[in-house]
Structure formats: C-alpha cells, structure tokens
Amino acid sequence: MEQRSTISGLPPVVQTLVERLTAFPGIGRKSALRMALYVMRSDSEFARSLADALLAVKDKISFCRTCWTLSQTDPCPICADTRRDHSLICVVEEPGDVIAIERTGSWRGVYHVIGGAISPLDGVGPEQLRLEPLLERVKQDGIKEVVVATNPTAEGETTALYIARMLGQTGVRVTRIARGVPMGSDLELVDDTTLQQSLEGRMEIK
C-alpha cells in the first residue's frame, strides 16, 4: 500500500487534518497545511461551527427530484419559482454549472443536471447519466426548447450529440450554447460575460 508522505514536526491529529483537506480539488499539501494551522490558531467555537457546517451539508442537502441539482428543499428554489419559464430546459453536467449560469442572470428557464458526460474510456455511458429523466420531462412537461450546455470538451460534445439524437423524435427544439466558451474548459471557470454570450448565441444541434 502506498504511504503518504508526512510533514515532520506535526502532531498526528494535525497530520490527519492536512491529509483530509488535500482531498479537496485544487488543495495541495501547502494550502492544506495553512488551513490546518488556521484552525489550530482559531478558537474552539470556529472549529465547532466549521464541523457543524460540514455535517449540515451532508445531512440537509440532497438532489432535487425534478432537475437533479443539489438543494436543501425538494423541489429546489429554481424549479419552484413560478416566474421561471418552465418550457425551457438548460442541460448541464454538474450542479456547479447551474451556479455558474445563474451568476450571469441571463437565463430565466429551468435546468436539468445529468451528472457528468459520456466517456467510454472512463466507463461512463448514457445509462450512467440522468438522460431518461430528461426524456420524460420533455415528453410530459410541454417543453419547447432544450439548451445543451455541457462542457466544451470531447466528452461534452459527444453527450450533446447524443441528447440531440435522443430528443430528435419528440419535436422539441434542441440547441447548443455558442462557441464563446473555449474548447476544453469547464463552465464553472468561464467568466460571466462569455457564458452569457454563449447562452444568447445558442445554435440548433443538427
């Protein structure tokens, strides 16, 4: 079994905390150590509130059973909002993409989170994604347009084409966000203006 390198001089409990923090995306050992030292310097109330917040996320957050984004309520606030245009669905890969698009303030439809992208090399096929619930929504809810906003990667493009073919017999309009989003990037990392322009310049998938 591969053993993790330890940082000399750290008590074992702090070393354990550093190792747990490095599990976060983008957090290396140096950043994790700074965070652990900050917790050590803070008062006990900060540590307790941090622990409570972490547990609350696991205990109180679940999937909205309509759009499959993460929410504290079911349906989520977006799906429950009667001011939204529920005939427009924006399909994204992950809940973080919903947050990115919401930041632009330009989308007044609703969402569907499929939970990833088709990637045969990683063992992810259409059956591993929430595509059947999307098809059911389109058939039952009077959807006029589905905007596919999967990431502009090879996997995202494959998924977009699959969705277009899957929905081809339903008569719904299927569009793709415009190329303002650079190829190979993640929506979460794209600036708000570019993402807004991509939504407004969406094109029909043929």
N, C-alpha and C. Protein backbone atom coordinates (compact mmCIF):
# COMPACT_ATOMS: atom_id res chain seq x y z
N MET A 1 0.84 -1.20 0.00
CA MET A 1 0.00 0.00 0.00
C MET A 1 0.87 1.25 0.00
N GLU A 2 0.53 2.19 -0.85
CA GLU A 2 1.29 3.43 -0.94
C GLU A 2 1.08 4.26 0.33
N GLN A 3 2.16 4.76 0.91
CA GLN A 3 2.08 5.57 2.11
C GLN A 3 2.24 7.04 1.76
N ARG A 4 1.43 7.86 2.42
CA ARG A 4 1.52 9.30 2.20
C ARG A 4 2.75 9.85 2.91
N SER A 5 3.38 10.83 2.32
CA SER A 5 4.49 11.48 2.99
C SER A 5 3.95 12.35 4.11
N THR A 6 4.68 12.39 5.20
CA THR A 6 4.26 13.17 6.35
C THR A 6 5.08 14.44 6.44
N ILE A 7 4.53 15.42 7.13
CA ILE A 7 5.22 16.68 7.35
C ILE A 7 5.83 16.62 8.74
N SER A 8 7.15 16.64 8.81
CA SER A 8 7.81 16.47 10.10
C SER A 8 7.45 17.60 11.06
N GLY A 9 7.32 17.24 12.32
CA GLY A 9 7.03 18.23 13.34
C GLY A 9 5.55 18.43 13.62
N LEU A 10 4.69 17.80 12.82
CA LEU A 10 3.26 17.95 13.03
C LEU A 10 2.73 16.85 13.95
N PRO A 11 1.90 17.19 14.91
CA PRO A 11 1.23 16.16 15.70
C PRO A 11 0.37 15.28 14.80
N PRO A 12 0.19 14.03 15.14
CA PRO A 12 -0.59 13.12 14.27
C PRO A 12 -1.99 13.63 13.95
N VAL A 13 -2.68 14.26 14.91
CA VAL A 13 -4.05 14.73 14.63
C VAL A 13 -4.04 15.85 13.58
N VAL A 14 -3.02 16.68 13.60
CA VAL A 14 -2.92 17.75 12.61
C VAL A 14 -2.55 17.16 11.25
N GLN A 15 -1.67 16.17 11.27
CA GLN A 15 -1.30 15.48 10.03
C GLN A 15 -2.53 14.86 9.38
N THR A 16 -3.40 14.28 10.19
CA THR A 16 -4.64 13.68 9.67
C THR A 16 -5.53 14.75 9.04
N LEU A 17 -5.62 15.91 9.70
CA LEU A 17 -6.43 17.01 9.17
C LEU A 17 -5.87 17.48 7.82
N VAL A 18 -4.57 17.61 7.73
CA VAL A 18 -3.93 18.02 6.47
C VAL A 18 -4.27 17.03 5.37
N GLU A 19 -4.20 15.73 5.67
CA GLU A 19 -4.49 14.72 4.67
C GLU A 19 -5.94 14.80 4.21
N ARG A 20 -6.87 15.07 5.15
CA ARG A 20 -8.28 15.19 4.77
C ARG A 20 -8.50 16.41 3.88
N LEU A 21 -7.82 17.49 4.18
CA LEU A 21 -8.00 18.73 3.41
C LEU A 21 -7.45 18.61 2.00
N THR A 22 -6.42 17.80 1.82
CA THR A 22 -5.85 17.63 0.47
C THR A 22 -6.80 16.87 -0.45
N ALA A 23 -7.86 16.29 0.11
CA ALA A 23 -8.85 15.60 -0.72
C ALA A 23 -9.70 16.60 -1.50
N PHE A 24 -9.72 17.88 -1.07
CA PHE A 24 -10.48 18.89 -1.80
C PHE A 24 -9.80 19.19 -3.13
N PRO A 25 -10.57 19.36 -4.21
CA PRO A 25 -9.97 19.70 -5.51
C PRO A 25 -9.19 21.01 -5.43
N GLY A 26 -7.97 20.99 -5.98
CA GLY A 26 -7.16 22.20 -6.04
C GLY A 26 -6.42 22.52 -4.75
N ILE A 27 -6.56 21.70 -3.74
CA ILE A 27 -5.87 21.95 -2.46
C ILE A 27 -4.67 21.02 -2.34
N GLY A 28 -3.47 21.61 -2.42
CA GLY A 28 -2.25 20.84 -2.23
C GLY A 28 -1.87 20.78 -0.77
N ARG A 29 -0.73 20.16 -0.50
CA ARG A 29 -0.34 19.97 0.90
C ARG A 29 0.01 21.31 1.57
N LYS A 30 0.60 22.24 0.83
CA LYS A 30 0.94 23.52 1.43
C LYS A 30 -0.31 24.30 1.81
N SER A 31 -1.27 24.33 0.90
CA SER A 31 -2.54 25.02 1.20
C SER A 31 -3.26 24.33 2.34
N ALA A 32 -3.26 23.00 2.33
CA ALA A 32 -3.92 22.25 3.40
C ALA A 32 -3.27 22.53 4.74
N LEU A 33 -1.94 22.65 4.75
CA LEU A 33 -1.24 22.95 5.99
C LEU A 33 -1.60 24.33 6.51
N ARG A 34 -1.70 25.31 5.61
CA ARG A 34 -2.10 26.66 6.02
C ARG A 34 -3.50 26.66 6.63
N MET A 35 -4.39 25.91 6.02
CA MET A 35 -5.75 25.82 6.53
C MET A 35 -5.78 25.14 7.90
N ALA A 36 -4.99 24.07 8.03
CA ALA A 36 -4.95 23.35 9.31
C ALA A 36 -4.38 24.24 10.42
N LEU A 37 -3.34 25.00 10.09
CA LEU A 37 -2.74 25.90 11.08
C LEU A 37 -3.71 27.01 11.47
N TYR A 38 -4.53 27.46 10.51
CA TYR A 38 -5.53 28.48 10.81
C TYR A 38 -6.56 27.94 11.79
N VAL A 39 -6.97 26.70 11.58
CA VAL A 39 -7.92 26.07 12.50
C VAL A 39 -7.31 25.95 13.89
N MET A 40 -6.04 25.60 13.94
CA MET A 40 -5.36 25.47 15.23
C MET A 40 -5.31 26.81 15.97
N ARG A 41 -5.09 27.91 15.23
CA ARG A 41 -4.98 29.22 15.86
C ARG A 41 -6.33 29.80 16.26
N SER A 42 -7.40 29.31 15.59
CA SER A 42 -8.74 29.84 15.86
C SER A 42 -9.27 29.29 17.17
N ASP A 43 -10.32 29.94 17.69
CA ASP A 43 -10.91 29.44 18.93
C ASP A 43 -11.75 28.20 18.66
N SER A 44 -12.15 27.53 19.73
CA SER A 44 -12.88 26.27 19.62
C SER A 44 -14.22 26.46 18.93
N GLU A 45 -14.84 27.63 19.10
CA GLU A 45 -16.14 27.88 18.50
C GLU A 45 -16.07 27.84 16.97
N PHE A 46 -14.96 28.36 16.41
CA PHE A 46 -14.79 28.32 14.97
C PHE A 46 -14.73 26.87 14.49
N ALA A 47 -13.95 26.04 15.18
CA ALA A 47 -13.82 24.64 14.77
C ALA A 47 -15.16 23.92 14.86
N ARG A 48 -15.91 24.20 15.93
CA ARG A 48 -17.22 23.55 16.09
C ARG A 48 -18.19 23.99 14.99
N SER A 49 -18.20 25.29 14.69
CA SER A 49 -19.11 25.79 13.66
C SER A 49 -18.74 25.25 12.29
N LEU A 50 -17.43 25.09 12.04
CA LEU A 50 -16.98 24.51 10.78
C LEU A 50 -17.43 23.06 10.67
N ALA A 51 -17.25 22.32 11.76
CA ALA A 51 -17.67 20.91 11.77
C ALA A 51 -19.18 20.80 11.58
N ASP A 52 -19.93 21.68 12.24
CA ASP A 52 -21.39 21.66 12.11
C ASP A 52 -21.82 21.96 10.67
N ALA A 53 -21.13 22.93 10.04
CA ALA A 53 -21.46 23.28 8.67
C ALA A 53 -21.19 22.11 7.72
N LEU A 54 -20.10 21.41 7.93
CA LEU A 54 -19.76 20.26 7.09
C LEU A 54 -20.80 19.15 7.24
N LEU A 55 -21.20 18.90 8.48
CA LEU A 55 -22.19 17.85 8.73
C LEU A 55 -23.56 18.25 8.18
N ALA A 56 -23.89 19.54 8.28
CA ALA A 56 -25.19 20.01 7.77
C ALA A 56 -25.29 19.83 6.27
N VAL A 57 -24.17 20.05 5.57
CA VAL A 57 -24.16 19.87 4.12
C VAL A 57 -24.50 18.42 3.76
N LYS A 58 -23.96 17.48 4.53
CA LYS A 58 -24.22 16.07 4.25
C LYS A 58 -25.61 15.65 4.70
N ASP A 59 -26.09 16.23 5.79
CA ASP A 59 -27.38 15.81 6.36
C ASP A 59 -28.58 16.48 5.70
N LYS A 60 -28.42 17.73 5.24
CA LYS A 60 -29.57 18.50 4.80
C LYS A 60 -29.63 18.76 3.30
N ILE A 61 -28.54 18.49 2.58
CA ILE A 61 -28.52 18.74 1.14
C ILE A 61 -28.73 17.43 0.39
N SER A 62 -29.64 17.45 -0.56
CA SER A 62 -29.90 16.28 -1.39
C SER A 62 -30.23 16.75 -2.81
N PHE A 63 -30.62 15.82 -3.65
CA PHE A 63 -30.93 16.16 -5.03
C PHE A 63 -32.39 16.58 -5.18
N CYS A 64 -32.61 17.63 -5.97
CA CYS A 64 -33.95 17.98 -6.39
C CYS A 64 -34.41 16.89 -7.35
N ARG A 65 -35.56 16.30 -7.11
CA ARG A 65 -36.01 15.17 -7.93
C ARG A 65 -36.63 15.60 -9.26
N THR A 66 -36.63 16.91 -9.50
CA THR A 66 -37.08 17.40 -10.81
C THR A 66 -35.90 17.66 -11.72
N CYS A 67 -34.93 18.46 -11.24
CA CYS A 67 -33.81 18.85 -12.11
C CYS A 67 -32.49 18.20 -11.71
N TRP A 68 -32.45 17.60 -10.51
CA TRP A 68 -31.27 16.88 -10.03
C TRP A 68 -30.09 17.76 -9.65
N THR A 69 -30.37 19.03 -9.36
CA THR A 69 -29.32 19.84 -8.76
C THR A 69 -29.35 19.62 -7.26
N LEU A 70 -28.32 20.08 -6.56
CA LEU A 70 -28.27 19.94 -5.11
C LEU A 70 -29.10 21.04 -4.47
N SER A 71 -29.88 20.67 -3.47
CA SER A 71 -30.77 21.64 -2.85
C SER A 71 -31.12 21.21 -1.44
N GLN A 72 -31.51 22.18 -0.63
CA GLN A 72 -31.97 21.90 0.73
C GLN A 72 -33.47 21.61 0.74
N THR A 73 -34.14 21.90 -0.38
CA THR A 73 -35.58 21.64 -0.49
C THR A 73 -35.86 20.86 -1.76
N ASP A 74 -37.01 20.21 -1.80
CA ASP A 74 -37.42 19.46 -2.99
C ASP A 74 -38.88 19.78 -3.27
N PRO A 75 -39.20 20.48 -4.37
CA PRO A 75 -38.28 20.89 -5.43
C PRO A 75 -37.35 22.02 -4.99
N CYS A 76 -36.29 22.21 -5.76
CA CYS A 76 -35.33 23.26 -5.46
C CYS A 76 -35.97 24.63 -5.72
N PRO A 77 -35.40 25.71 -5.22
CA PRO A 77 -35.98 27.04 -5.41
C PRO A 77 -36.17 27.42 -6.88
N ILE A 78 -35.29 26.96 -7.76
CA ILE A 78 -35.43 27.29 -9.18
C ILE A 78 -36.64 26.58 -9.78
N CYS A 79 -36.78 25.29 -9.50
CA CYS A 79 -37.92 24.54 -10.03
C CYS A 79 -39.24 25.03 -9.43
N ALA A 80 -39.19 25.55 -8.22
CA ALA A 80 -40.40 26.01 -7.55
C ALA A 80 -40.78 27.44 -7.93
N ASP A 81 -39.91 28.12 -8.66
CA ASP A 81 -40.13 29.53 -9.00
C ASP A 81 -41.11 29.63 -10.17
N THR A 82 -42.30 30.14 -9.90
CA THR A 82 -43.33 30.26 -10.95
C THR A 82 -43.01 31.36 -11.96
N ARG A 83 -42.05 32.23 -11.63
CA ARG A 83 -41.67 33.29 -12.56
C ARG A 83 -40.74 32.77 -13.66
N ARG A 84 -40.21 31.58 -13.49
CA ARG A 84 -39.33 30.98 -14.49
C ARG A 84 -40.14 30.44 -15.66
N ASP A 85 -39.49 30.37 -16.82
CA ASP A 85 -40.11 29.76 -17.99
C ASP A 85 -39.80 28.26 -17.96
N HIS A 86 -40.77 27.48 -17.52
CA HIS A 86 -40.56 26.05 -17.35
C HIS A 86 -40.64 25.28 -18.67
N SER A 87 -40.85 25.99 -19.77
CA SER A 87 -40.83 25.34 -21.08
C SER A 87 -39.43 25.32 -21.69
N LEU A 88 -38.47 25.95 -21.00
CA LEU A 88 -37.07 25.99 -21.44
C LEU A 88 -36.20 25.26 -20.43
N ILE A 89 -35.48 24.26 -20.88
CA ILE A 89 -34.59 23.49 -20.01
C ILE A 89 -33.16 23.66 -20.48
N CYS A 90 -32.27 24.01 -19.58
CA CYS A 90 -30.83 24.07 -19.85
C CYS A 90 -30.19 22.82 -19.24
N VAL A 91 -29.59 22.01 -20.08
CA VAL A 91 -28.96 20.76 -19.63
C VAL A 91 -27.49 21.01 -19.32
N VAL A 92 -27.08 20.67 -18.10
CA VAL A 92 -25.68 20.84 -17.69
C VAL A 92 -25.17 19.53 -17.10
N GLU A 93 -23.86 19.48 -16.94
CA GLU A 93 -23.25 18.25 -16.43
C GLU A 93 -23.35 18.13 -14.91
N GLU A 94 -23.01 19.21 -14.20
CA GLU A 94 -22.91 19.15 -12.74
C GLU A 94 -23.63 20.33 -12.08
N PRO A 95 -23.99 20.20 -10.79
CA PRO A 95 -24.63 21.31 -10.08
C PRO A 95 -23.84 22.61 -10.10
N GLY A 96 -22.51 22.53 -10.13
CA GLY A 96 -21.69 23.73 -10.19
C GLY A 96 -21.94 24.54 -11.45
N ASP A 97 -22.36 23.86 -12.53
CA ASP A 97 -22.66 24.57 -13.78
C ASP A 97 -23.93 25.40 -13.65
N VAL A 98 -24.87 24.93 -12.84
CA VAL A 98 -26.08 25.71 -12.58
C VAL A 98 -25.70 27.02 -11.89
N ILE A 99 -24.83 26.93 -10.92
CA ILE A 99 -24.38 28.13 -10.19
C ILE A 99 -23.69 29.10 -11.14
N ALA A 100 -22.86 28.57 -12.04
CA ALA A 100 -22.13 29.43 -12.99
C ALA A 100 -23.10 30.17 -13.90
N ILE A 101 -24.11 29.47 -14.41
CA ILE A 101 -25.07 30.12 -15.31
C ILE A 101 -25.96 31.10 -14.56
N GLU A 102 -26.34 30.75 -13.35
CA GLU A 102 -27.17 31.65 -12.55
C GLU A 102 -26.45 32.97 -12.26
N ARG A 103 -25.14 32.92 -12.15
CA ARG A 103 -24.37 34.14 -11.90
C ARG A 103 -24.54 35.16 -13.01
N THR A 104 -24.79 34.68 -14.23
CA THR A 104 -24.91 35.61 -15.35
C THR A 104 -26.23 36.38 -15.29
N GLY A 105 -27.24 35.83 -14.65
CA GLY A 105 -28.54 36.48 -14.56
C GLY A 105 -29.29 36.52 -15.88
N SER A 106 -28.83 35.78 -16.89
CA SER A 106 -29.42 35.88 -18.23
C SER A 106 -30.35 34.72 -18.57
N TRP A 107 -30.38 33.69 -17.76
CA TRP A 107 -31.20 32.52 -18.06
C TRP A 107 -32.42 32.50 -17.15
N ARG A 108 -33.61 32.50 -17.73
CA ARG A 108 -34.85 32.51 -16.96
C ARG A 108 -35.63 31.22 -17.12
N GLY A 109 -35.01 30.21 -17.73
CA GLY A 109 -35.62 28.90 -17.81
C GLY A 109 -35.27 28.08 -16.58
N VAL A 110 -35.38 26.75 -16.71
CA VAL A 110 -35.02 25.85 -15.63
C VAL A 110 -33.85 24.97 -16.08
N TYR A 111 -33.49 23.99 -15.28
CA TYR A 111 -32.29 23.19 -15.54
C TYR A 111 -32.57 21.69 -15.47
N HIS A 112 -31.59 20.94 -16.00
CA HIS A 112 -31.56 19.50 -15.79
C HIS A 112 -30.09 19.09 -15.68
N VAL A 113 -29.71 18.55 -14.55
CA VAL A 113 -28.32 18.15 -14.30
C VAL A 113 -28.20 16.66 -14.59
N ILE A 114 -27.38 16.30 -15.58
CA ILE A 114 -27.29 14.90 -15.98
C ILE A 114 -26.24 14.12 -15.19
N GLY A 115 -25.37 14.82 -14.47
CA GLY A 115 -24.42 14.12 -13.60
C GLY A 115 -23.13 13.67 -14.26
N GLY A 116 -22.71 14.36 -15.32
CA GLY A 116 -21.45 14.02 -15.97
C GLY A 116 -21.58 14.08 -17.47
N ALA A 117 -20.68 13.38 -18.15
CA ALA A 117 -20.68 13.35 -19.62
C ALA A 117 -20.30 11.96 -20.08
N ILE A 118 -20.76 11.60 -21.28
CA ILE A 118 -20.44 10.29 -21.83
C ILE A 118 -18.94 10.18 -22.07
N SER A 119 -18.34 9.16 -21.48
CA SER A 119 -16.89 8.96 -21.61
C SER A 119 -16.60 7.46 -21.56
N PRO A 120 -16.63 6.78 -22.71
CA PRO A 120 -16.40 5.33 -22.72
C PRO A 120 -15.09 4.90 -22.07
N LEU A 121 -14.05 5.72 -22.23
CA LEU A 121 -12.75 5.37 -21.63
C LEU A 121 -12.82 5.33 -20.11
N ASP A 122 -13.73 6.12 -19.55
CA ASP A 122 -13.90 6.13 -18.09
C ASP A 122 -15.06 5.26 -17.64
N GLY A 123 -15.61 4.51 -18.57
CA GLY A 123 -16.72 3.63 -18.22
C GLY A 123 -18.04 4.33 -17.99
N VAL A 124 -18.18 5.54 -18.54
CA VAL A 124 -19.42 6.30 -18.37
C VAL A 124 -20.19 6.29 -19.68
N GLY A 125 -21.30 5.57 -19.69
CA GLY A 125 -22.16 5.54 -20.85
C GLY A 125 -23.45 6.31 -20.59
N PRO A 126 -24.33 6.39 -21.56
CA PRO A 126 -25.60 7.12 -21.39
C PRO A 126 -26.41 6.61 -20.21
N GLU A 127 -26.31 5.30 -19.94
CA GLU A 127 -27.11 4.72 -18.86
C GLU A 127 -26.64 5.18 -17.48
N GLN A 128 -25.41 5.68 -17.39
CA GLN A 128 -24.92 6.19 -16.10
C GLN A 128 -25.36 7.63 -15.84
N LEU A 129 -25.92 8.29 -16.84
CA LEU A 129 -26.33 9.69 -16.71
C LEU A 129 -27.85 9.79 -16.57
N ARG A 130 -28.32 10.96 -16.15
CA ARG A 130 -29.75 11.16 -15.93
C ARG A 130 -30.42 11.65 -17.23
N LEU A 131 -30.32 10.80 -18.24
CA LEU A 131 -30.88 11.15 -19.54
C LEU A 131 -32.32 10.69 -19.68
N GLU A 132 -32.67 9.56 -19.11
CA GLU A 132 -34.06 9.10 -19.16
C GLU A 132 -35.00 10.06 -18.45
N PRO A 133 -34.63 10.57 -17.25
CA PRO A 133 -35.49 11.58 -16.62
C PRO A 133 -35.65 12.83 -17.47
N LEU A 134 -34.60 13.20 -18.23
CA LEU A 134 -34.71 14.34 -19.14
C LEU A 134 -35.73 14.06 -20.23
N LEU A 135 -35.66 12.87 -20.80
CA LEU A 135 -36.60 12.49 -21.86
C LEU A 135 -38.03 12.50 -21.33
N GLU A 136 -38.22 12.03 -20.11
CA GLU A 136 -39.55 12.02 -19.52
C GLU A 136 -40.07 13.45 -19.30
N ARG A 137 -39.19 14.35 -18.87
CA ARG A 137 -39.60 15.75 -18.69
C ARG A 137 -40.05 16.36 -20.01
N VAL A 138 -39.29 16.08 -21.06
CA VAL A 138 -39.62 16.64 -22.37
C VAL A 138 -40.97 16.11 -22.86
N LYS A 139 -41.24 14.83 -22.61
CA LYS A 139 -42.48 14.22 -23.08
C LYS A 139 -43.69 14.70 -22.30
N GLN A 140 -43.48 14.97 -21.00
CA GLN A 140 -44.63 15.22 -20.13
C GLN A 140 -44.88 16.69 -19.81
N ASP A 141 -43.87 17.53 -19.86
CA ASP A 141 -43.98 18.87 -19.30
C ASP A 141 -44.17 19.99 -20.33
N GLY A 142 -44.43 19.67 -21.58
CA GLY A 142 -44.66 20.71 -22.57
C GLY A 142 -43.44 21.57 -22.83
N ILE A 143 -42.28 20.93 -22.93
CA ILE A 143 -41.03 21.65 -23.14
C ILE A 143 -40.94 22.12 -24.59
N LYS A 144 -40.53 23.38 -24.78
CA LYS A 144 -40.39 23.95 -26.12
C LYS A 144 -38.95 23.90 -26.63
N GLU A 145 -37.99 24.05 -25.71
CA GLU A 145 -36.58 24.08 -26.13
C GLU A 145 -35.70 23.49 -25.04
N VAL A 146 -34.73 22.71 -25.47
CA VAL A 146 -33.70 22.17 -24.58
C VAL A 146 -32.37 22.76 -25.02
N VAL A 147 -31.74 23.52 -24.15
CA VAL A 147 -30.44 24.12 -24.43
C VAL A 147 -29.37 23.22 -23.80
N VAL A 148 -28.53 22.64 -24.62
CA VAL A 148 -27.48 21.75 -24.11
C VAL A 148 -26.24 22.57 -23.78
N ALA A 149 -25.93 22.64 -22.49
CA ALA A 149 -24.78 23.42 -22.03
C ALA A 149 -23.76 22.52 -21.35
N THR A 150 -23.54 21.34 -21.96
CA THR A 150 -22.46 20.50 -21.48
C THR A 150 -21.13 21.19 -21.77
N ASN A 151 -20.09 20.81 -21.05
CA ASN A 151 -18.79 21.46 -21.21
C ASN A 151 -18.26 21.29 -22.63
N PRO A 152 -17.53 22.29 -23.13
CA PRO A 152 -16.97 22.23 -24.48
C PRO A 152 -15.72 21.35 -24.54
N THR A 153 -15.89 20.09 -24.20
CA THR A 153 -14.83 19.09 -24.28
C THR A 153 -15.28 18.00 -25.25
N ALA A 154 -14.40 17.08 -25.55
CA ALA A 154 -14.78 15.98 -26.45
C ALA A 154 -15.94 15.19 -25.85
N GLU A 155 -15.89 14.96 -24.54
CA GLU A 155 -16.96 14.22 -23.87
C GLU A 155 -18.26 15.02 -23.87
N GLY A 156 -18.13 16.32 -23.64
CA GLY A 156 -19.31 17.18 -23.63
C GLY A 156 -19.98 17.25 -24.99
N GLU A 157 -19.16 17.31 -26.06
CA GLU A 157 -19.71 17.35 -27.41
C GLU A 157 -20.40 16.03 -27.76
N THR A 158 -19.79 14.92 -27.36
CA THR A 158 -20.41 13.61 -27.59
C THR A 158 -21.75 13.53 -26.89
N THR A 159 -21.79 14.02 -25.67
CA THR A 159 -23.03 14.00 -24.90
C THR A 159 -24.10 14.88 -25.53
N ALA A 160 -23.68 16.05 -26.02
CA ALA A 160 -24.62 16.97 -26.66
C ALA A 160 -25.25 16.32 -27.90
N LEU A 161 -24.45 15.66 -28.71
CA LEU A 161 -24.97 14.99 -29.91
C LEU A 161 -25.90 13.85 -29.54
N TYR A 162 -25.55 13.12 -28.48
CA TYR A 162 -26.40 12.02 -28.03
C TYR A 162 -27.76 12.55 -27.58
N ILE A 163 -27.76 13.65 -26.83
CA ILE A 163 -29.01 14.24 -26.36
C ILE A 163 -29.86 14.70 -27.53
N ALA A 164 -29.22 15.31 -28.53
CA ALA A 164 -29.95 15.79 -29.71
C ALA A 164 -30.63 14.64 -30.43
N ARG A 165 -29.91 13.53 -30.57
CA ARG A 165 -30.49 12.36 -31.24
C ARG A 165 -31.59 11.74 -30.39
N MET A 166 -31.37 11.70 -29.08
CA MET A 166 -32.35 11.11 -28.17
C MET A 166 -33.68 11.86 -28.21
N LEU A 167 -33.58 13.19 -28.33
CA LEU A 167 -34.78 14.02 -28.31
C LEU A 167 -35.32 14.31 -29.72
N GLY A 168 -34.65 13.75 -30.73
CA GLY A 168 -35.00 14.06 -32.12
C GLY A 168 -36.42 13.72 -32.49
N GLN A 169 -37.00 12.66 -31.87
CA GLN A 169 -38.34 12.22 -32.22
C GLN A 169 -39.42 12.92 -31.40
N THR A 170 -39.03 13.77 -30.47
CA THR A 170 -40.02 14.41 -29.60
C THR A 170 -40.57 15.70 -30.19
N GLY A 171 -39.87 16.26 -31.18
CA GLY A 171 -40.31 17.51 -31.78
C GLY A 171 -39.84 18.75 -31.04
N VAL A 172 -39.15 18.57 -29.93
CA VAL A 172 -38.65 19.72 -29.17
C VAL A 172 -37.42 20.30 -29.87
N ARG A 173 -37.25 21.60 -29.78
CA ARG A 173 -36.06 22.26 -30.35
C ARG A 173 -34.88 22.01 -29.42
N VAL A 174 -33.76 21.53 -29.98
CA VAL A 174 -32.55 21.28 -29.20
C VAL A 174 -31.45 22.19 -29.71
N THR A 175 -30.91 23.02 -28.81
CA THR A 175 -29.85 23.95 -29.20
C THR A 175 -28.61 23.71 -28.34
N ARG A 176 -27.50 24.26 -28.81
CA ARG A 176 -26.21 24.14 -28.12
C ARG A 176 -25.70 25.54 -27.83
N ILE A 177 -25.12 25.77 -26.65
CA ILE A 177 -24.56 27.08 -26.36
C ILE A 177 -23.46 27.39 -27.37
N ALA A 178 -23.29 28.68 -27.66
CA ALA A 178 -22.38 29.12 -28.71
C ALA A 178 -20.93 28.88 -28.33
N ARG A 179 -20.03 29.10 -29.28
CA ARG A 179 -18.61 28.79 -29.10
C ARG A 179 -17.84 29.85 -28.35
N GLY A 180 -18.54 30.78 -27.72
CA GLY A 180 -17.81 31.75 -26.91
C GLY A 180 -17.08 31.08 -25.75
N VAL A 181 -17.55 29.89 -25.38
CA VAL A 181 -16.89 29.12 -24.33
C VAL A 181 -15.74 28.35 -24.96
N PRO A 182 -14.49 28.56 -24.49
CA PRO A 182 -13.35 27.90 -25.12
C PRO A 182 -13.40 26.38 -25.01
N MET A 183 -12.97 25.72 -26.07
CA MET A 183 -12.93 24.26 -26.11
C MET A 183 -12.01 23.74 -25.02
N GLY A 184 -12.47 22.72 -24.30
CA GLY A 184 -11.66 22.09 -23.27
C GLY A 184 -11.82 22.69 -21.88
N SER A 185 -12.68 23.71 -21.75
CA SER A 185 -12.82 24.37 -20.45
C SER A 185 -14.04 23.84 -19.70
N ASP A 186 -14.17 24.23 -18.42
CA ASP A 186 -15.33 23.91 -17.60
C ASP A 186 -16.16 25.16 -17.42
N LEU A 187 -17.48 25.00 -17.45
CA LEU A 187 -18.37 26.15 -17.33
C LEU A 187 -18.14 26.91 -16.03
N GLU A 188 -17.81 26.17 -14.96
CA GLU A 188 -17.60 26.81 -13.66
C GLU A 188 -16.47 27.84 -13.70
N LEU A 189 -15.54 27.68 -14.65
CA LEU A 189 -14.36 28.54 -14.70
C LEU A 189 -14.47 29.65 -15.74
N VAL A 190 -15.58 29.64 -16.50
CA VAL A 190 -15.75 30.64 -17.56
C VAL A 190 -16.29 31.94 -16.96
N ASP A 191 -15.81 33.08 -17.47
CA ASP A 191 -16.28 34.36 -16.94
C ASP A 191 -17.74 34.58 -17.32
N ASP A 192 -18.43 35.39 -16.51
CA ASP A 192 -19.88 35.57 -16.65
C ASP A 192 -20.28 36.13 -18.01
N THR A 193 -19.52 37.09 -18.54
CA THR A 193 -19.87 37.72 -19.81
C THR A 193 -19.81 36.73 -20.95
N THR A 194 -18.74 35.93 -21.00
CA THR A 194 -18.60 34.93 -22.06
C THR A 194 -19.72 33.90 -21.97
N LEU A 195 -20.04 33.47 -20.77
CA LEU A 195 -21.09 32.48 -20.60
C LEU A 195 -22.45 33.04 -21.01
N GLN A 196 -22.70 34.30 -20.69
CA GLN A 196 -23.95 34.94 -21.08
C GLN A 196 -24.07 35.02 -22.60
N GLN A 197 -22.97 35.41 -23.27
CA GLN A 197 -22.98 35.50 -24.73
C GLN A 197 -23.19 34.13 -25.36
N SER A 198 -22.66 33.09 -24.73
CA SER A 198 -22.82 31.74 -25.24
C SER A 198 -24.27 31.31 -25.18
N LEU A 199 -24.94 31.65 -24.08
CA LEU A 199 -26.35 31.31 -23.94
C LEU A 199 -27.20 32.05 -24.96
N GLU A 200 -26.92 33.34 -25.12
CA GLU A 200 -27.71 34.16 -26.05
C GLU A 200 -27.47 33.77 -27.51
N GLY A 201 -26.27 33.24 -27.82
CA GLY A 201 -25.95 32.87 -29.20
C GLY A 201 -26.07 31.40 -29.46
N ARG A 202 -26.87 30.70 -28.66
CA ARG A 202 -27.02 29.26 -28.82
C ARG A 202 -27.50 28.90 -30.22
N MET A 203 -27.10 27.70 -30.69
CA MET A 203 -27.42 27.25 -32.03
C MET A 203 -28.11 25.91 -31.99
N GLU A 204 -28.93 25.64 -32.99
CA GLU A 204 -29.64 24.37 -33.04
C GLU A 204 -28.67 23.26 -33.37
N ILE A 205 -28.85 22.13 -32.69
CA ILE A 205 -27.99 20.97 -32.94
C ILE A 205 -28.64 20.15 -34.05
N LYS A 206 -27.85 19.87 -35.10
CA LYS A 206 -28.39 19.10 -36.23
C LYS A 206 -27.59 17.82 -36.43
